[in-house]
Amino acid sequence: MTAEADARAVAAFVAECAGRVGGDIERQLGKHRDGELAKAVLYAGTGEGKRIRPAIIYATAQAAGLDFSRVDGVACAVELIHCYSLIHDDLPAMDDDDLRRGKPACHKVFGEALAILAGDAMQALAFERIACDAHLGAAQKVETMRILAATSGLSGMACGQALDIRAAGSQPDIAHLEHIHRLKTGTLMSACVTMTLACAGGAPDAVQSGLRAWAADIGLCFQIRDDILDVENETAALGKPRGSDRRQHKPTYISVLGAERARRELEQLGARCLAQLENAGGGCAMLRGITRCIAGQGL
């Protein structure tokens, strides 16, 4: 398969996954859609976006030989957690961004108070979605919720965001910057794999170890690429501005390493991720395509 055909296949797969998880979010909100809070949740949780996290979940399900219906709940839950974090990240108290996914940020449309509540509601809905999933057993529900809680809270995403805010205006060394982004971005992307494996149960040890190693690095790969795109691309290509004054003062891989070193780091990390997938067996074709797109062409 050529690189162009590979990218088209990944784009089609990501679009399919986005439609699947978007429809799921809409169904969860069906009985609440008359309320203003539900409208804010629907606004932030659907529409344009990379949706790379659900795509990783469904591609991991492919690699583990798992039917997509078994992971619909965790895909929806992870996307709800991600979207809640974006609502809060965009608030004036944090990154102070006016645009998200090519449209006004949630707080610009619904006001700051309702945006905060929409984020809170999305976080709660994520755990409700797993708890009510008819395709998972009790032990699988508990384990996937445990993983999601750990990777989105004090040991993961929320901690990473706190460190990121604290680092604004400073120039940390590369080890500290990597630590921030392994928490802020990497843990939730890693959870996409570990939660799916929890749903699969009996995947072979070699598959599990290869996928877990890949999961530990792909989020960092994604973050480096995102930092590069922030510099290279126009606002319209990203669906958000180049950055508010506050966000522009946050350290990035470009500001710490410089553009060329950041590209080399991305290339090396992408190659390592592809090698890790080789160890996970022959069912990882889509994960390999996603890796090449993250490390090369972007999503």
Protein backbone atom coordinates (compact mmCIF):
# COMPACT_ATOMS: atom_id res chain seq x y z
CA MET A 1 0.00 0.00 0.00
CA THR A 2 1.37 3.44 -0.93
CA ALA A 3 1.71 6.16 1.68
CA GLU A 4 -1.16 8.04 0.05
CA ALA A 5 -3.44 5.00 0.04
CA ASP A 6 -2.41 4.26 3.62
CA ALA A 7 -3.39 7.78 4.69
CA ARG A 8 -6.74 7.50 2.88
CA ALA A 9 -7.50 4.20 4.60
CA VAL A 10 -6.69 5.68 8.01
CA ALA A 11 -8.78 8.78 7.31
CA ALA A 12 -11.75 6.62 6.31
CA PHE A 13 -11.36 4.47 9.42
CA VAL A 14 -11.08 7.50 11.72
CA ALA A 15 -14.20 9.01 10.10
CA GLU A 16 -16.10 5.75 10.61
CA CYS A 17 -15.07 5.66 14.28
CA ALA A 18 -15.99 9.34 14.72
CA GLY A 19 -19.46 8.69 13.35
CA ARG A 20 -19.88 5.68 15.60
CA VAL A 21 -18.88 7.48 18.79
CA GLY A 22 -20.71 10.70 17.85
CA GLY A 23 -23.91 8.75 17.38
CA ASP A 24 -23.37 7.07 20.73
CA ILE A 25 -22.95 10.42 22.51
CA GLU A 26 -26.15 11.71 20.89
CA ARG A 27 -28.06 8.63 22.04
CA GLN A 28 -26.81 9.10 25.62
CA LEU A 29 -28.13 12.66 25.55
CA GLY A 30 -31.42 11.80 23.85
CA LYS A 31 -33.62 12.14 26.91
CA HIS A 32 -31.93 15.36 28.04
CA ARG A 33 -31.73 17.37 24.82
CA ASP A 34 -34.34 19.95 25.80
CA GLY A 35 -32.12 21.29 28.57
CA GLU A 36 -29.55 24.04 28.08
CA LEU A 37 -26.88 21.98 29.84
CA ALA A 38 -27.47 19.03 27.51
CA LYS A 39 -27.21 21.41 24.54
CA ALA A 40 -23.81 22.55 25.79
CA VAL A 41 -22.68 18.93 26.20
CA LEU A 42 -23.90 18.06 22.71
CA TYR A 43 -22.20 21.15 21.26
CA ALA A 44 -18.84 20.24 22.80
CA GLY A 45 -19.10 16.49 22.29
CA THR A 46 -20.04 16.31 18.61
CA GLY A 47 -18.96 17.96 15.37
CA GLU A 48 -15.51 18.28 13.86
CA GLY A 49 -12.49 16.87 15.65
CA LYS A 50 -9.64 14.41 15.27
CA ARG A 51 -11.42 11.62 17.24
CA ILE A 52 -8.10 9.81 17.32
CA ARG A 53 -8.77 8.24 20.72
CA PRO A 54 -11.87 6.29 19.63
CA ALA A 55 -9.98 5.26 16.47
CA ILE A 56 -7.18 3.84 18.64
CA ILE A 57 -9.75 1.91 20.68
CA TYR A 58 -11.40 0.37 17.62
CA ALA A 59 -8.04 -0.35 15.95
CA THR A 60 -6.86 -2.04 19.15
CA ALA A 61 -10.06 -4.08 19.14
CA GLN A 62 -9.14 -5.20 15.61
CA ALA A 63 -5.70 -6.24 16.78
CA ALA A 64 -7.17 -8.19 19.70
CA GLY A 65 -9.88 -9.86 17.58
CA LEU A 66 -12.67 -8.07 19.46
CA ASP A 67 -16.04 -7.09 17.99
CA PHE A 68 -16.54 -3.31 17.93
CA SER A 69 -19.77 -3.56 19.94
CA ARG A 70 -17.69 -4.71 22.91
CA VAL A 71 -15.77 -1.43 23.00
CA ASP A 72 -18.44 1.09 21.99
CA GLY A 73 -18.94 2.00 25.65
CA VAL A 74 -15.28 2.66 26.40
CA ALA A 75 -14.85 4.59 23.13
CA CYS A 76 -17.76 6.84 24.04
CA ALA A 77 -16.48 7.24 27.61
CA VAL A 78 -12.94 8.16 26.58
CA GLU A 79 -14.20 10.71 24.06
CA LEU A 80 -16.47 12.26 26.70
CA ILE A 81 -13.52 12.57 29.09
CA HIS A 82 -11.37 14.09 26.35
CA CYS A 83 -14.09 16.58 25.37
CA TYR A 84 -14.68 17.58 28.99
CA SER A 85 -10.95 18.30 29.31
CA LEU A 86 -11.06 20.48 26.19
CA ILE A 87 -13.95 22.54 27.55
CA HIS A 88 -12.02 23.22 30.75
CA ASP A 89 -8.70 23.78 28.92
CA ASP A 90 -10.30 26.54 26.84
CA LEU A 91 -11.62 28.49 29.83
CA PRO A 92 -10.12 31.92 30.65
CA ALA A 93 -8.63 30.49 33.85
CA MET A 94 -6.61 27.98 31.82
CA ASP A 95 -5.59 28.39 28.16
CA ASP A 96 -8.11 31.17 27.43
CA ASP A 97 -8.91 30.02 23.88
CA ASP A 98 -11.89 31.28 21.91
CA LEU A 99 -12.01 28.57 19.23
CA ARG A 100 -12.16 24.78 19.37
CA ARG A 101 -12.58 22.39 16.45
CA GLY A 102 -13.28 25.21 14.04
CA LYS A 103 -16.08 26.82 16.03
CA PRO A 104 -16.40 29.06 19.12
CA ALA A 105 -15.34 27.36 22.34
CA CYS A 106 -18.11 26.12 24.60
CA HIS A 107 -17.74 28.99 27.09
CA LYS A 108 -18.01 31.56 24.28
CA VAL A 109 -21.42 30.17 23.31
CA PHE A 110 -22.93 29.13 26.65
CA GLY A 111 -20.98 31.21 29.16
CA GLU A 112 -18.28 30.11 31.58
CA ALA A 113 -20.55 28.70 34.29
CA LEU A 114 -22.52 26.44 31.96
CA ALA A 115 -19.32 25.37 30.18
CA ILE A 116 -17.82 24.24 33.50
CA LEU A 117 -21.00 22.33 34.30
CA ALA A 118 -21.03 20.78 30.81
CA GLY A 119 -17.51 19.47 31.43
CA ASP A 120 -18.56 18.12 34.81
CA ALA A 121 -21.60 16.43 33.26
CA MET A 122 -19.50 14.84 30.51
CA GLN A 123 -17.11 13.37 33.06
CA ALA A 124 -20.02 11.83 34.98
CA LEU A 125 -21.69 10.60 31.79
CA ALA A 126 -18.47 8.81 30.78
CA PHE A 127 -18.61 6.56 33.84
CA GLU A 128 -22.37 6.10 33.53
CA ARG A 129 -21.88 4.92 29.94
CA ILE A 130 -19.51 2.15 31.03
CA ALA A 131 -21.58 1.20 34.08
CA CYS A 132 -24.66 0.67 31.90
CA ASP A 133 -22.87 -1.16 29.06
CA ALA A 134 -24.74 -4.39 28.28
CA HIS A 135 -21.72 -5.85 26.43
CA LEU A 136 -19.36 -5.88 29.44
CA GLY A 137 -19.32 -8.07 32.51
CA ALA A 138 -19.15 -6.63 36.02
CA ALA A 139 -15.40 -7.22 36.39
CA GLN A 140 -14.71 -5.58 33.01
CA LYS A 141 -16.80 -2.55 33.95
CA VAL A 142 -14.92 -2.11 37.22
CA GLU A 143 -11.51 -2.48 35.56
CA THR A 144 -12.22 -0.11 32.67
CA MET A 145 -13.65 2.50 35.03
CA ARG A 146 -10.62 2.12 37.31
CA ILE A 147 -8.26 2.70 34.37
CA LEU A 148 -10.24 5.70 33.15
CA ALA A 149 -10.37 7.28 36.61
CA ALA A 150 -6.65 6.77 37.22
CA THR A 151 -5.57 8.14 33.86
CA SER A 152 -7.82 11.20 33.90
CA GLY A 153 -7.23 12.31 37.49
CA LEU A 154 -4.41 12.93 39.95
CA SER A 155 -2.14 10.33 38.36
CA GLY A 156 -2.75 11.39 34.77
CA MET A 157 -4.41 14.05 32.66
CA ALA A 158 -5.46 16.51 35.40
CA CYS A 159 -2.01 16.37 36.97
CA GLY A 160 -0.39 16.93 33.58
CA GLN A 161 -2.56 20.00 32.97
CA ALA A 162 -1.62 21.40 36.38
CA LEU A 163 2.09 20.91 35.60
CA ASP A 164 1.62 22.46 32.17
CA ILE A 165 0.01 25.57 33.67
CA ARG A 166 2.79 25.81 36.26
CA ALA A 167 5.44 25.60 33.54
CA ALA A 168 4.07 28.59 31.61
CA GLY A 169 6.73 31.21 31.07
CA SER A 170 9.56 28.81 31.96
CA GLN A 171 11.92 26.71 29.88
CA PRO A 172 11.95 23.22 31.42
CA ASP A 173 14.43 20.58 30.37
CA ILE A 174 13.29 17.94 27.94
CA ALA A 175 12.82 15.31 30.66
CA HIS A 176 10.35 17.50 32.55
CA LEU A 177 8.52 18.47 29.37
CA GLU A 178 8.18 14.80 28.46
CA HIS A 179 6.87 14.07 31.97
CA ILE A 180 4.20 16.77 31.59
CA HIS A 181 2.96 15.46 28.26
CA ARG A 182 3.10 11.78 29.17
CA LEU A 183 0.60 12.75 31.88
CA LYS A 184 -1.45 15.39 30.06
CA THR A 185 -1.75 13.63 26.69
CA GLY A 186 -0.17 10.21 26.98
CA THR A 187 -2.07 8.62 29.84
CA LEU A 188 -5.53 8.95 28.28
CA MET A 189 -4.27 7.70 24.91
CA SER A 190 -2.59 4.79 26.68
CA ALA A 191 -5.89 4.07 28.42
CA CYS A 192 -7.49 3.59 25.00
CA VAL A 193 -5.36 0.46 24.65
CA THR A 194 -5.43 -0.82 28.22
CA MET A 195 -9.21 -0.41 28.53
CA THR A 196 -9.72 -2.27 25.25
CA LEU A 197 -7.45 -5.09 26.42
CA ALA A 198 -9.49 -5.26 29.63
CA CYS A 199 -12.60 -5.73 27.47
CA ALA A 200 -10.84 -8.42 25.42
CA GLY A 201 -9.77 -10.47 28.40
CA GLY A 202 -7.76 -13.30 26.85
CA ALA A 203 -5.58 -11.65 24.20
CA PRO A 204 -2.21 -13.46 23.81
CA ASP A 205 0.59 -12.19 26.05
CA ALA A 206 2.76 -11.15 23.08
CA VAL A 207 -0.06 -9.07 21.63
CA GLN A 208 -0.77 -7.44 24.98
CA SER A 209 2.86 -6.58 25.72
CA GLY A 210 3.45 -5.12 22.26
CA LEU A 211 0.28 -3.03 22.40
CA ARG A 212 1.02 -1.80 25.92
CA ALA A 213 4.53 -0.71 24.88
CA TRP A 214 3.06 1.12 21.87
CA ALA A 215 0.41 2.74 24.06
CA ALA A 216 3.06 4.14 26.40
CA ASP A 217 4.69 6.13 23.57
CA ILE A 218 1.99 7.03 21.04
CA GLY A 219 0.56 9.89 23.11
CA LEU A 220 3.95 11.56 23.31
CA CYS A 221 4.36 11.07 19.56
CA PHE A 222 0.97 12.75 19.07
CA GLN A 223 1.94 15.70 21.29
CA ILE A 224 5.20 16.38 19.47
CA ARG A 225 3.36 16.32 16.14
CA ASP A 226 0.70 18.65 17.54
CA ASP A 227 3.37 21.12 18.66
CA ILE A 228 4.90 21.03 15.17
CA LEU A 229 1.51 21.57 13.53
CA ASP A 230 0.82 24.52 15.83
CA VAL A 231 3.83 26.24 14.31
CA GLU A 232 3.50 25.08 10.71
CA ASN A 233 -0.21 25.20 9.95
CA GLU A 234 -2.65 28.04 9.52
CA THR A 235 -5.55 28.52 11.94
CA ALA A 236 -8.08 27.05 9.51
CA ALA A 237 -6.14 23.80 9.22
CA LEU A 238 -6.24 23.18 12.96
CA GLY A 239 -9.66 24.55 13.81
CA LYS A 240 -8.15 26.75 16.50
CA PRO A 241 -5.97 29.87 16.58
CA ARG A 242 -2.22 29.71 16.83
CA GLY A 243 -2.70 30.35 20.53
CA SER A 244 -3.86 32.84 23.10
CA ASP A 245 -1.20 34.92 24.80
CA ARG A 246 -1.37 32.56 27.77
CA ARG A 247 -1.01 29.38 25.70
CA GLN A 248 1.84 30.88 23.69
CA HIS A 249 3.87 31.13 26.89
CA LYS A 250 3.60 27.41 27.60
CA PRO A 251 6.71 25.37 26.78
CA THR A 252 6.46 23.10 23.74
CA TYR A 253 8.78 20.70 21.96
CA ILE A 254 9.50 23.45 19.44
CA SER A 255 10.38 26.03 22.10
CA VAL A 256 12.53 23.59 24.08
CA LEU A 257 14.22 21.59 21.30
CA GLY A 258 13.86 23.78 18.21
CA ALA A 259 12.01 22.71 15.07
CA GLU A 260 14.63 20.38 13.61
CA ARG A 261 15.36 18.49 16.81
CA ALA A 262 11.62 18.17 17.49
CA ARG A 263 11.14 16.62 14.02
CA ARG A 264 14.00 14.19 14.64
CA GLU A 265 12.50 13.26 18.01
CA LEU A 266 9.16 12.62 16.33
CA GLU A 267 10.76 10.48 13.64
CA GLN A 268 12.65 8.36 16.18
CA LEU A 269 9.64 7.95 18.43
CA GLY A 270 7.43 7.03 15.48
CA ALA A 271 9.91 4.36 14.40
CA ARG A 272 9.94 2.95 17.93
CA CYS A 273 6.14 2.81 17.98
CA LEU A 274 6.10 0.91 14.66
CA ALA A 275 8.67 -1.55 16.01
CA GLN A 276 6.53 -2.14 19.08
CA LEU A 277 3.56 -3.01 16.86
CA GLU A 278 5.67 -5.58 15.02
CA ASN A 279 5.95 -7.40 18.33
CA ALA A 280 2.16 -7.35 18.74
CA GLY A 281 1.43 -9.63 15.80
CA GLY A 282 -0.28 -9.38 12.43
CA GLY A 283 -3.57 -7.74 13.40
CA CYS A 284 -2.15 -4.25 13.83
CA ALA A 285 -2.39 -2.92 10.26
CA MET A 286 -4.68 -0.02 11.20
CA LEU A 287 -2.63 0.84 14.29
CA ARG A 288 0.46 0.97 12.06
CA GLY A 289 -1.37 3.29 9.66
CA ILE A 290 -2.46 5.52 12.52
CA THR A 291 1.11 5.62 13.80
CA ARG A 292 2.50 6.62 10.40
CA CYS A 293 -0.10 9.37 10.09
CA ILE A 294 0.65 10.72 13.56
CA ALA A 295 4.40 10.61 13.04
CA GLY A 296 4.36 11.78 9.43
CA GLN A 297 1.31 13.39 7.92
CA GLY A 298 -0.75 14.26 11.00
CA LEU A 299 -4.46 13.73 11.52
